[in-house]
């Protein structure tokens, strides 16, 4: 289990207090009647709610960097006191979640350095945040929409909320990727001392609203799990997290991965076993 130190928690609380829009998926519960005619939906309040504060965008960007940098020092104490470049180069990048984490840190590293050391290299237009400065014979440039910065903030809050929840690695990857992919779409230019921003292949799921449901009917056929998804659920395109229990093992899988064929192999199902 990853450890969040006191300072990281404090930074996260401050970041949350600045948010004006929803940032985590709004979670709800769904129950389907036996005759499949009634779908009971209970929406739940967002788990984070602090008094909102209006702060400049540049402050939030630096705050996001401080959150990540403090967290890195907690889980990799050998990196404490090292340069930001050293930390980025030595962050693990063995799976998609680690790659996404490292790239967001890299983006925020450039953001922080511009804000602290090259403030004249920052310009803000109605739609974009633009950064351009030279440092140690390297040109650094970054153009991102204001929406992109907001999604970075949302991803960090989502990451730290879900990191210690016992959902499977695959579920978390797909959820985080749904933010990460949207962030990359909002970046128009990025250049630093390293290569291009790393991209990954993954699956996007609905990051805005999700429903927990343990009343989807299914049966096992050979090496597959076959689901019967009521037509009204498909028609309304509900983002359902299907919960099933097989041999006392609990699985939660997003409906997006079975929507087209309504089945999953037992091998693939194992990727969604609760940790």
C-alpha atoms as a PDB file:
ATOM      1  CA  UNK A   1       0.000   0.000   0.000  1.00  0.00           C
ATOM      2  CA  UNK A   2       1.334   3.417  -0.954  1.00  0.00           C
ATOM      3  CA  UNK A   3       1.779   5.954   1.810  1.00  0.00           C
ATOM      4  CA  UNK A   4       0.544   9.532   1.563  1.00  0.00           C
ATOM      5  CA  UNK A   5       2.366  11.770   4.015  1.00  0.00           C
ATOM      6  CA  UNK A   6       0.836  14.624   5.960  1.00  0.00           C
ATOM      7  CA  UNK A   7       2.045  17.302   3.560  1.00  0.00           C
ATOM      8  CA  UNK A   8       0.698  15.506   0.494  1.00  0.00           C
ATOM      9  CA  UNK A   9      -2.682  15.105   2.210  1.00  0.00           C
ATOM     10  CA  UNK A  10      -2.687  18.807   3.071  1.00  0.00           C
ATOM     11  CA  UNK A  11      -1.865  19.770  -0.508  1.00  0.00           C
ATOM     12  CA  UNK A  12      -4.611  17.495  -1.811  1.00  0.00           C
ATOM     13  CA  UNK A  13      -7.139  19.041   0.547  1.00  0.00           C
ATOM     14  CA  UNK A  14      -6.131  22.520  -0.614  1.00  0.00           C
ATOM     15  CA  UNK A  15      -6.398  21.507  -4.281  1.00  0.00           C
ATOM     16  CA  UNK A  16      -9.821  19.997  -3.722  1.00  0.00           C
ATOM     17  CA  UNK A  17     -11.039  23.186  -2.083  1.00  0.00           C
ATOM     18  CA  UNK A  18     -10.289  25.124  -5.274  1.00  0.00           C
ATOM     19  CA  UNK A  19     -12.324  22.905  -7.580  1.00  0.00           C
ATOM     20  CA  UNK A  20     -15.500  24.322  -9.079  1.00  0.00           C
ATOM     21  CA  UNK A  21     -16.473  21.284 -11.151  1.00  0.00           C
ATOM     22  CA  UNK A  22     -16.868  17.586 -10.446  1.00  0.00           C
ATOM     23  CA  UNK A  23     -13.564  15.770 -10.736  1.00  0.00           C
ATOM     24  CA  UNK A  24     -14.093  12.200  -9.580  1.00  0.00           C
ATOM     25  CA  UNK A  25     -16.671   9.927 -11.172  1.00  0.00           C
ATOM     26  CA  UNK A  26     -19.966  10.468  -9.384  1.00  0.00           C
ATOM     27  CA  UNK A  27     -20.642   7.044  -7.942  1.00  0.00           C
ATOM     28  CA  UNK A  28     -24.096   5.553  -7.567  1.00  0.00           C
ATOM     29  CA  UNK A  29     -25.761   2.213  -6.956  1.00  0.00           C
ATOM     30  CA  UNK A  30     -28.055   0.436  -9.390  1.00  0.00           C
ATOM     31  CA  UNK A  31     -30.388  -2.465  -8.732  1.00  0.00           C
ATOM     32  CA  UNK A  32     -32.310  -4.327 -11.428  1.00  0.00           C
ATOM     33  CA  UNK A  33     -35.559  -6.093 -10.513  1.00  0.00           C
ATOM     34  CA  UNK A  34     -35.978  -9.795 -11.214  1.00  0.00           C
ATOM     35  CA  UNK A  35     -38.350  -9.075 -14.089  1.00  0.00           C
ATOM     36  CA  UNK A  36     -35.866  -6.502 -15.414  1.00  0.00           C
ATOM     37  CA  UNK A  37     -38.637  -3.926 -15.725  1.00  0.00           C
ATOM     38  CA  UNK A  38     -37.503  -1.754 -12.867  1.00  0.00           C
ATOM     39  CA  UNK A  39     -34.114  -0.135 -12.551  1.00  0.00           C
ATOM     40  CA  UNK A  40     -33.545   1.580  -9.214  1.00  0.00           C
ATOM     41  CA  UNK A  41     -30.804   4.185  -9.305  1.00  0.00           C
ATOM     42  CA  UNK A  42     -29.351   5.851  -6.242  1.00  0.00           C
ATOM     43  CA  UNK A  43     -26.894   8.647  -6.941  1.00  0.00           C
ATOM     44  CA  UNK A  44     -24.411   9.320  -4.198  1.00  0.00           C
ATOM     45  CA  UNK A  45     -22.852  12.621  -3.240  1.00  0.00           C
ATOM     46  CA  UNK A  46     -19.301  13.298  -4.305  1.00  0.00           C
ATOM     47  CA  UNK A  47     -16.969  11.978  -1.616  1.00  0.00           C
ATOM     48  CA  UNK A  48     -14.853  15.142  -1.593  1.00  0.00           C
ATOM     49  CA  UNK A  49     -16.569  18.369  -0.571  1.00  0.00           C
ATOM     50  CA  UNK A  50     -14.723  21.318   0.867  1.00  0.00           C
ATOM     51  CA  UNK A  51     -15.492  25.009   0.814  1.00  0.00           C
ATOM     52  CA  UNK A  52     -14.566  26.263  -2.625  1.00  0.00           C
ATOM     53  CA  UNK A  53     -11.893  28.916  -2.941  1.00  0.00           C
ATOM     54  CA  UNK A  54     -11.108  31.017  -5.984  1.00  0.00           C
ATOM     55  CA  UNK A  55      -7.367  30.870  -6.698  1.00  0.00           C
ATOM     56  CA  UNK A  56      -5.268  31.731  -9.749  1.00  0.00           C
ATOM     57  CA  UNK A  57      -4.648  28.910 -12.186  1.00  0.00           C
ATOM     58  CA  UNK A  58      -0.868  29.255 -11.900  1.00  0.00           C
ATOM     59  CA  UNK A  59      -1.109  28.565  -8.168  1.00  0.00           C
ATOM     60  CA  UNK A  60      -3.061  25.372  -8.789  1.00  0.00           C
ATOM     61  CA  UNK A  61      -0.474  24.152 -11.288  1.00  0.00           C
ATOM     62  CA  UNK A  62       2.322  24.605  -8.764  1.00  0.00           C
ATOM     63  CA  UNK A  63       0.186  22.990  -6.087  1.00  0.00           C
ATOM     64  CA  UNK A  64      -0.278  19.942  -8.312  1.00  0.00           C
ATOM     65  CA  UNK A  65       3.486  19.697  -8.726  1.00  0.00           C
ATOM     66  CA  UNK A  66       4.019  19.960  -4.971  1.00  0.00           C
ATOM     67  CA  UNK A  67       1.526  17.136  -4.436  1.00  0.00           C
ATOM     68  CA  UNK A  68       3.384  14.822  -6.785  1.00  0.00           C
ATOM     69  CA  UNK A  69       6.857  15.826  -5.600  1.00  0.00           C
ATOM     70  CA  UNK A  70       5.952  15.359  -1.939  1.00  0.00           C
ATOM     71  CA  UNK A  71       4.416  11.979  -2.703  1.00  0.00           C
ATOM     72  CA  UNK A  72       7.488  10.838  -4.645  1.00  0.00           C
ATOM     73  CA  UNK A  73       9.703  11.724  -1.682  1.00  0.00           C
ATOM     74  CA  UNK A  74       7.411   9.620   0.540  1.00  0.00           C
ATOM     75  CA  UNK A  75       7.516   6.438  -1.510  1.00  0.00           C
ATOM     76  CA  UNK A  76      11.078   6.853  -2.807  1.00  0.00           C
ATOM     77  CA  UNK A  77      13.001   8.338   0.134  1.00  0.00           C
ATOM     78  CA  UNK A  78      16.247   7.807  -1.749  1.00  0.00           C
ATOM     79  CA  UNK A  79      15.115  10.532  -4.178  1.00  0.00           C
ATOM     80  CA  UNK A  80      14.613  13.157  -1.486  1.00  0.00           C
ATOM     81  CA  UNK A  81      16.849  16.135  -2.209  1.00  0.00           C
ATOM     82  CA  UNK A  82      17.531  15.028  -5.781  1.00  0.00           C
ATOM     83  CA  UNK A  83      16.827  17.252  -8.790  1.00  0.00           C
ATOM     84  CA  UNK A  84      13.442  17.130 -10.458  1.00  0.00           C
ATOM     85  CA  UNK A  85      15.125  15.831 -13.622  1.00  0.00           C
ATOM     86  CA  UNK A  86      16.721  12.988 -11.645  1.00  0.00           C
ATOM     87  CA  UNK A  87      13.378  12.106 -10.085  1.00  0.00           C
ATOM     88  CA  UNK A  88      11.616  11.961 -13.442  1.00  0.00           C
ATOM     89  CA  UNK A  89      14.349   9.847 -15.022  1.00  0.00           C
ATOM     90  CA  UNK A  90      14.258   7.382 -12.126  1.00  0.00           C
ATOM     91  CA  UNK A  91      10.516   7.094 -11.635  1.00  0.00           C
ATOM     92  CA  UNK A  92       9.395   3.525 -12.472  1.00  0.00           C
ATOM     93  CA  UNK A  93       7.750   3.181 -15.869  1.00  0.00           C
ATOM     94  CA  UNK A  94       7.028  -0.551 -15.891  1.00  0.00           C
ATOM     95  CA  UNK A  95       3.280  -0.390 -16.487  1.00  0.00           C
ATOM     96  CA  UNK A  96       0.733   2.030 -17.888  1.00  0.00           C
ATOM     97  CA  UNK A  97      -0.182   3.591 -14.555  1.00  0.00           C
ATOM     98  CA  UNK A  98       3.476   4.267 -13.769  1.00  0.00           C
ATOM     99  CA  UNK A  99       3.994   5.731 -17.251  1.00  0.00           C
ATOM    100  CA  UNK A 100       1.007   8.056 -16.861  1.00  0.00           C
ATOM    101  CA  UNK A 101       2.171   9.149 -13.409  1.00  0.00           C
ATOM    102  CA  UNK A 102       5.680   9.902 -14.680  1.00  0.00           C
ATOM    103  CA  UNK A 103       4.428  11.908 -17.657  1.00  0.00           C
ATOM    104  CA  UNK A 104       2.115  14.056 -15.555  1.00  0.00           C
ATOM    105  CA  UNK A 105       5.047  14.718 -13.212  1.00  0.00           C
ATOM    106  CA  UNK A 106       7.163  15.678 -16.209  1.00  0.00           C
ATOM    107  CA  UNK A 107       4.493  18.089 -17.492  1.00  0.00           C
ATOM    108  CA  UNK A 108       4.099  19.686 -14.082  1.00  0.00           C
ATOM    109  CA  UNK A 109       7.880  19.904 -13.651  1.00  0.00           C
ATOM    110  CA  UNK A 110       8.061  22.167 -16.699  1.00  0.00           C
ATOM    111  CA  UNK A 111       5.022  24.094 -15.462  1.00  0.00           C
ATOM    112  CA  UNK A 112       6.566  24.635 -12.035  1.00  0.00           C
ATOM    113  CA  UNK A 113       9.978  25.664 -13.399  1.00  0.00           C
ATOM    114  CA  UNK A 114       8.359  28.227 -15.679  1.00  0.00           C
ATOM    115  CA  UNK A 115       6.247  29.669 -12.863  1.00  0.00           C
ATOM    116  CA  UNK A 116       9.128  29.913 -10.384  1.00  0.00           C
ATOM    117  CA  UNK A 117      12.090  30.749 -12.628  1.00  0.00           C
ATOM    118  CA  UNK A 118      10.765  31.987 -15.980  1.00  0.00           C
ATOM    119  CA  UNK A 119       7.558  33.861 -15.253  1.00  0.00           C
ATOM    120  CA  UNK A 120       8.104  36.111 -18.287  1.00  0.00           C
ATOM    121  CA  UNK A 121       7.929  33.017 -20.460  1.00  0.00           C
ATOM    122  CA  UNK A 122       4.285  32.440 -19.504  1.00  0.00           C
ATOM    123  CA  UNK A 123       1.361  33.945 -21.344  1.00  0.00           C
ATOM    124  CA  UNK A 124      -2.322  33.293 -20.772  1.00  0.00           C
ATOM    125  CA  UNK A 125      -4.944  33.796 -23.448  1.00  0.00           C
ATOM    126  CA  UNK A 126      -8.669  33.247 -23.310  1.00  0.00           C
ATOM    127  CA  UNK A 127      -8.254  29.579 -24.279  1.00  0.00           C
ATOM    128  CA  UNK A 128      -4.622  28.630 -23.723  1.00  0.00           C
ATOM    129  CA  UNK A 129      -1.815  28.599 -21.216  1.00  0.00           C
ATOM    130  CA  UNK A 130       1.441  29.112 -23.151  1.00  0.00           C
ATOM    131  CA  UNK A 131       4.954  28.537 -21.812  1.00  0.00           C
ATOM    132  CA  UNK A 132       8.181  29.213 -23.691  1.00  0.00           C
ATOM    133  CA  UNK A 133      11.630  29.616 -22.143  1.00  0.00           C
ATOM    134  CA  UNK A 134      15.253  28.543 -22.617  1.00  0.00           C
ATOM    135  CA  UNK A 135      17.150  26.764 -19.870  1.00  0.00           C
ATOM    136  CA  UNK A 136      20.683  25.321 -20.075  1.00  0.00           C
ATOM    137  CA  UNK A 137      20.695  25.414 -23.883  1.00  0.00           C
ATOM    138  CA  UNK A 138      17.325  23.640 -24.037  1.00  0.00           C
ATOM    139  CA  UNK A 139      14.172  25.227 -25.351  1.00  0.00           C
ATOM    140  CA  UNK A 140      11.069  24.430 -23.334  1.00  0.00           C
ATOM    141  CA  UNK A 141       7.633  25.065 -24.768  1.00  0.00           C
ATOM    142  CA  UNK A 142       4.190  24.061 -23.639  1.00  0.00           C
ATOM    143  CA  UNK A 143       0.763  25.011 -24.952  1.00  0.00           C
ATOM    144  CA  UNK A 144      -2.301  23.548 -23.266  1.00  0.00           C
ATOM    145  CA  UNK A 145      -5.923  24.594 -22.982  1.00  0.00           C
ATOM    146  CA  UNK A 146      -7.281  25.726 -19.638  1.00  0.00           C
ATOM    147  CA  UNK A 147      -9.521  22.670 -19.776  1.00  0.00           C
ATOM    148  CA  UNK A 148      -6.404  20.500 -20.017  1.00  0.00           C
ATOM    149  CA  UNK A 149      -4.996  21.975 -16.800  1.00  0.00           C
ATOM    150  CA  UNK A 150      -8.300  21.295 -15.063  1.00  0.00           C
ATOM    151  CA  UNK A 151      -8.237  17.656 -16.191  1.00  0.00           C
ATOM    152  CA  UNK A 152      -4.693  17.278 -14.818  1.00  0.00           C
ATOM    153  CA  UNK A 153      -6.009  18.490 -11.468  1.00  0.00           C
ATOM    154  CA  UNK A 154      -8.915  16.054 -11.725  1.00  0.00           C
ATOM    155  CA  UNK A 155      -6.605  13.154 -12.572  1.00  0.00           C
ATOM    156  CA  UNK A 156      -4.443  13.795  -9.520  1.00  0.00           C
ATOM    157  CA  UNK A 157      -7.450  13.870  -7.214  1.00  0.00           C
ATOM    158  CA  UNK A 158      -8.768  10.682  -8.821  1.00  0.00           C
ATOM    159  CA  UNK A 159      -5.371   8.972  -8.611  1.00  0.00           C
ATOM    160  CA  UNK A 160      -4.890   9.657  -4.929  1.00  0.00           C
ATOM    161  CA  UNK A 161      -8.463   8.732  -4.087  1.00  0.00           C
ATOM    162  CA  UNK A 162      -8.421   5.398  -5.906  1.00  0.00           C
ATOM    163  CA  UNK A 163      -4.829   4.370  -5.243  1.00  0.00           C
ATOM    164  CA  UNK A 164      -5.701   2.681  -1.934  1.00  0.00           C
ATOM    165  CA  UNK A 165      -9.119   1.337  -2.922  1.00  0.00           C
ATOM    166  CA  UNK A 166      -9.017  -2.390  -3.582  1.00  0.00           C
ATOM    167  CA  UNK A 167     -10.196  -2.158  -7.187  1.00  0.00           C
ATOM    168  CA  UNK A 168      -8.045  -4.124  -9.605  1.00  0.00           C
ATOM    169  CA  UNK A 169      -5.045  -2.679 -11.360  1.00  0.00           C
ATOM    170  CA  UNK A 170      -6.857  -2.953 -14.723  1.00  0.00           C
ATOM    171  CA  UNK A 171      -9.895  -1.008 -13.495  1.00  0.00           C
ATOM    172  CA  UNK A 172      -7.677   1.766 -12.170  1.00  0.00           C
ATOM    173  CA  UNK A 173      -5.636   1.858 -15.358  1.00  0.00           C
ATOM    174  CA  UNK A 174      -8.728   2.286 -17.529  1.00  0.00           C
ATOM    175  CA  UNK A 175     -10.125   4.990 -15.261  1.00  0.00           C
ATOM    176  CA  UNK A 176      -6.854   6.939 -15.078  1.00  0.00           C
ATOM    177  CA  UNK A 177      -6.347   6.554 -18.822  1.00  0.00           C
ATOM    178  CA  UNK A 178      -9.731   8.157 -19.423  1.00  0.00           C
ATOM    179  CA  UNK A 179      -8.293  11.334 -17.887  1.00  0.00           C
ATOM    180  CA  UNK A 180      -4.820  10.953 -19.387  1.00  0.00           C
ATOM    181  CA  UNK A 181      -6.090  10.557 -22.954  1.00  0.00           C
ATOM    182  CA  UNK A 182      -8.239  13.677 -22.572  1.00  0.00           C
ATOM    183  CA  UNK A 183      -5.225  15.601 -21.226  1.00  0.00           C
ATOM    184  CA  UNK A 184      -3.110  14.671 -24.248  1.00  0.00           C
ATOM    185  CA  UNK A 185      -5.911  15.878 -26.521  1.00  0.00           C
ATOM    186  CA  UNK A 186      -5.704  19.314 -24.867  1.00  0.00           C
ATOM    187  CA  UNK A 187      -1.908  19.667 -25.297  1.00  0.00           C
ATOM    188  CA  UNK A 188      -0.969  21.435 -28.527  1.00  0.00           C
ATOM    189  CA  UNK A 189       2.787  21.753 -27.947  1.00  0.00           C
ATOM    190  CA  UNK A 190       5.168  20.128 -25.522  1.00  0.00           C
ATOM    191  CA  UNK A 191       8.957  20.245 -25.642  1.00  0.00           C
ATOM    192  CA  UNK A 192      11.511  19.749 -22.903  1.00  0.00           C
ATOM    193  CA  UNK A 193      14.936  18.100 -22.572  1.00  0.00           C
ATOM    194  CA  UNK A 194      13.446  14.642 -23.076  1.00  0.00           C
ATOM    195  CA  UNK A 195      11.651  13.012 -25.988  1.00  0.00           C
ATOM    196  CA  UNK A 196       7.955  13.311 -26.776  1.00  0.00           C
ATOM    197  CA  UNK A 197       5.286  12.735 -24.154  1.00  0.00           C
ATOM    198  CA  UNK A 198       4.831   8.989 -23.809  1.00  0.00           C
ATOM    199  CA  UNK A 199       1.585   7.557 -25.141  1.00  0.00           C
ATOM    200  CA  UNK A 200       0.042   4.234 -24.184  1.00  0.00           C
ATOM    201  CA  UNK A 201      -2.583   1.845 -25.474  1.00  0.00           C
ATOM    202  CA  UNK A 202      -5.439   1.331 -23.063  1.00  0.00           C
ATOM    203  CA  UNK A 203      -9.231   1.528 -22.771  1.00  0.00           C
ATOM    204  CA  UNK A 204     -11.288   4.615 -21.944  1.00  0.00           C
ATOM    205  CA  UNK A 205     -14.277   4.319 -19.643  1.00  0.00           C
ATOM    206  CA  UNK A 206     -16.790   6.918 -18.512  1.00  0.00           C
ATOM    207  CA  UNK A 207     -14.997   9.117 -15.977  1.00  0.00           C
ATOM    208  CA  UNK A 208     -17.968  11.327 -15.154  1.00  0.00           C
ATOM    209  CA  UNK A 209     -20.581   9.014 -13.654  1.00  0.00           C
ATOM    210  CA  UNK A 210     -20.560   5.314 -12.755  1.00  0.00           C
ATOM    211  CA  UNK A 211     -23.069   2.938 -11.158  1.00  0.00           C
ATOM    212  CA  UNK A 212     -22.265  -0.076  -8.997  1.00  0.00           C
ATOM    213  CA  UNK A 213     -24.518  -2.992  -9.921  1.00  0.00           C
ATOM    214  CA  UNK A 214     -24.507  -6.542  -8.554  1.00  0.00           C
ATOM    215  CA  UNK A 215     -27.784  -7.627 -10.184  1.00  0.00           C
ATOM    216  CA  UNK A 216     -26.646  -8.223 -13.765  1.00  0.00           C
ATOM    217  CA  UNK A 217     -27.466 -11.814 -14.691  1.00  0.00           C
ATOM    218  CA  UNK A 218     -24.659 -13.973 -16.047  1.00  0.00           C
ATOM    219  CA  UNK A 219     -23.707 -17.587 -16.564  1.00  0.00           C
ATOM    220  CA  UNK A 220     -20.527 -19.517 -17.195  1.00  0.00           C
ATOM    221  CA  UNK A 221     -20.096 -21.240 -20.534  1.00  0.00           C
ATOM    222  CA  UNK A 222     -16.889 -23.147 -21.138  1.00  0.00           C
ATOM    223  CA  UNK A 223     -14.136 -20.619 -20.477  1.00  0.00           C
ATOM    224  CA  UNK A 224     -16.313 -17.504 -20.775  1.00  0.00           C
ATOM    225  CA  UNK A 225     -18.629 -15.461 -18.594  1.00  0.00           C
ATOM    226  CA  UNK A 226     -21.749 -14.458 -20.539  1.00  0.00           C
ATOM    227  CA  UNK A 227     -23.804 -11.497 -19.338  1.00  0.00           C
ATOM    228  CA  UNK A 228     -27.406 -10.645 -20.050  1.00  0.00           C
ATOM    229  CA  UNK A 229     -27.582  -6.861 -20.241  1.00  0.00           C
ATOM    230  CA  UNK A 230     -31.172  -5.508 -20.283  1.00  0.00           C
ATOM    231  CA  UNK A 231     -31.909  -3.499 -23.400  1.00  0.00           C
ATOM    232  CA  UNK A 232     -32.963  -0.414 -21.469  1.00  0.00           C
ATOM    233  CA  UNK A 233     -29.510  -0.245 -19.876  1.00  0.00           C
ATOM    234  CA  UNK A 234     -27.831  -0.468 -23.265  1.00  0.00           C
ATOM    235  CA  UNK A 235     -30.219   2.098 -24.734  1.00  0.00           C
ATOM    236  CA  UNK A 236     -29.501   4.586 -21.941  1.00  0.00           C
ATOM    237  CA  UNK A 237     -25.775   3.872 -22.132  1.00  0.00           C
ATOM    238  CA  UNK A 238     -25.337   3.660 -18.364  1.00  0.00           C
ATOM    239  CA  UNK A 239     -21.722   3.435 -17.200  1.00  0.00           C
ATOM    240  CA  UNK A 240     -22.084   0.372 -14.995  1.00  0.00           C
ATOM    241  CA  UNK A 241     -19.478  -1.321 -12.846  1.00  0.00           C
ATOM    242  CA  UNK A 242     -20.616  -4.935 -12.826  1.00  0.00           C
ATOM    243  CA  UNK A 243     -19.969  -6.771  -9.563  1.00  0.00           C
ATOM    244  CA  UNK A 244     -19.986 -10.557  -9.555  1.00  0.00           C
ATOM    245  CA  UNK A 245     -18.808 -13.219  -7.120  1.00  0.00           C
ATOM    246  CA  UNK A 246     -17.446 -16.547  -8.297  1.00  0.00           C
ATOM    247  CA  UNK A 247     -16.068 -19.089  -5.843  1.00  0.00           C
ATOM    248  CA  UNK A 248     -15.918 -16.423  -3.119  1.00  0.00           C
ATOM    249  CA  UNK A 249     -13.810 -14.156  -5.312  1.00  0.00           C
ATOM    250  CA  UNK A 250     -15.204 -10.703  -6.083  1.00  0.00           C
ATOM    251  CA  UNK A 251     -14.800  -9.018  -9.437  1.00  0.00           C
ATOM    252  CA  UNK A 252     -15.742  -5.493 -10.496  1.00  0.00           C
ATOM    253  CA  UNK A 253     -15.482  -4.762 -14.200  1.00  0.00           C
ATOM    254  CA  UNK A 254     -16.571  -1.758 -16.247  1.00  0.00           C
ATOM    255  CA  UNK A 255     -19.349  -2.475 -18.715  1.00  0.00           C
ATOM    256  CA  UNK A 256     -17.367  -0.765 -21.464  1.00  0.00           C
ATOM    257  CA  UNK A 257     -15.137  -3.806 -21.879  1.00  0.00           C
ATOM    258  CA  UNK A 258     -18.063  -6.144 -22.627  1.00  0.00           C
ATOM    259  CA  UNK A 259     -20.552  -3.801 -24.295  1.00  0.00           C
ATOM    260  CA  UNK A 260     -20.139  -5.148 -27.821  1.00  0.00           C
ATOM    261  CA  UNK A 261     -20.201  -8.887 -27.100  1.00  0.00           C
ATOM    262  CA  UNK A 262     -21.623  -9.106 -23.554  1.00  0.00           C
ATOM    263  CA  UNK A 263     -19.049 -11.638 -22.496  1.00  0.00           C
ATOM    264  CA  UNK A 264     -15.549 -11.929 -21.143  1.00  0.00           C
ATOM    265  CA  UNK A 265     -13.143 -14.819 -20.894  1.00  0.00           C
ATOM    266  CA  UNK A 266     -12.366 -16.148 -17.439  1.00  0.00           C
ATOM    267  CA  UNK A 267      -8.723 -15.291 -18.092  1.00  0.00           C
ATOM    268  CA  UNK A 268      -9.592 -11.649 -18.760  1.00  0.00           C
ATOM    269  CA  UNK A 269     -12.052 -11.593 -15.876  1.00  0.00           C
ATOM    270  CA  UNK A 270      -9.213 -12.363 -13.502  1.00  0.00           C
ATOM    271  CA  UNK A 271      -7.747  -8.967 -14.316  1.00  0.00           C
ATOM    272  CA  UNK A 272     -10.661  -7.400 -12.444  1.00  0.00           C
ATOM    273  CA  UNK A 273     -10.504  -9.391  -9.214  1.00  0.00           C
ATOM    274  CA  UNK A 274     -10.494  -7.138  -6.163  1.00  0.00           C
ATOM    275  CA  UNK A 275      -7.029  -6.788  -4.713  1.00  0.00           C
END
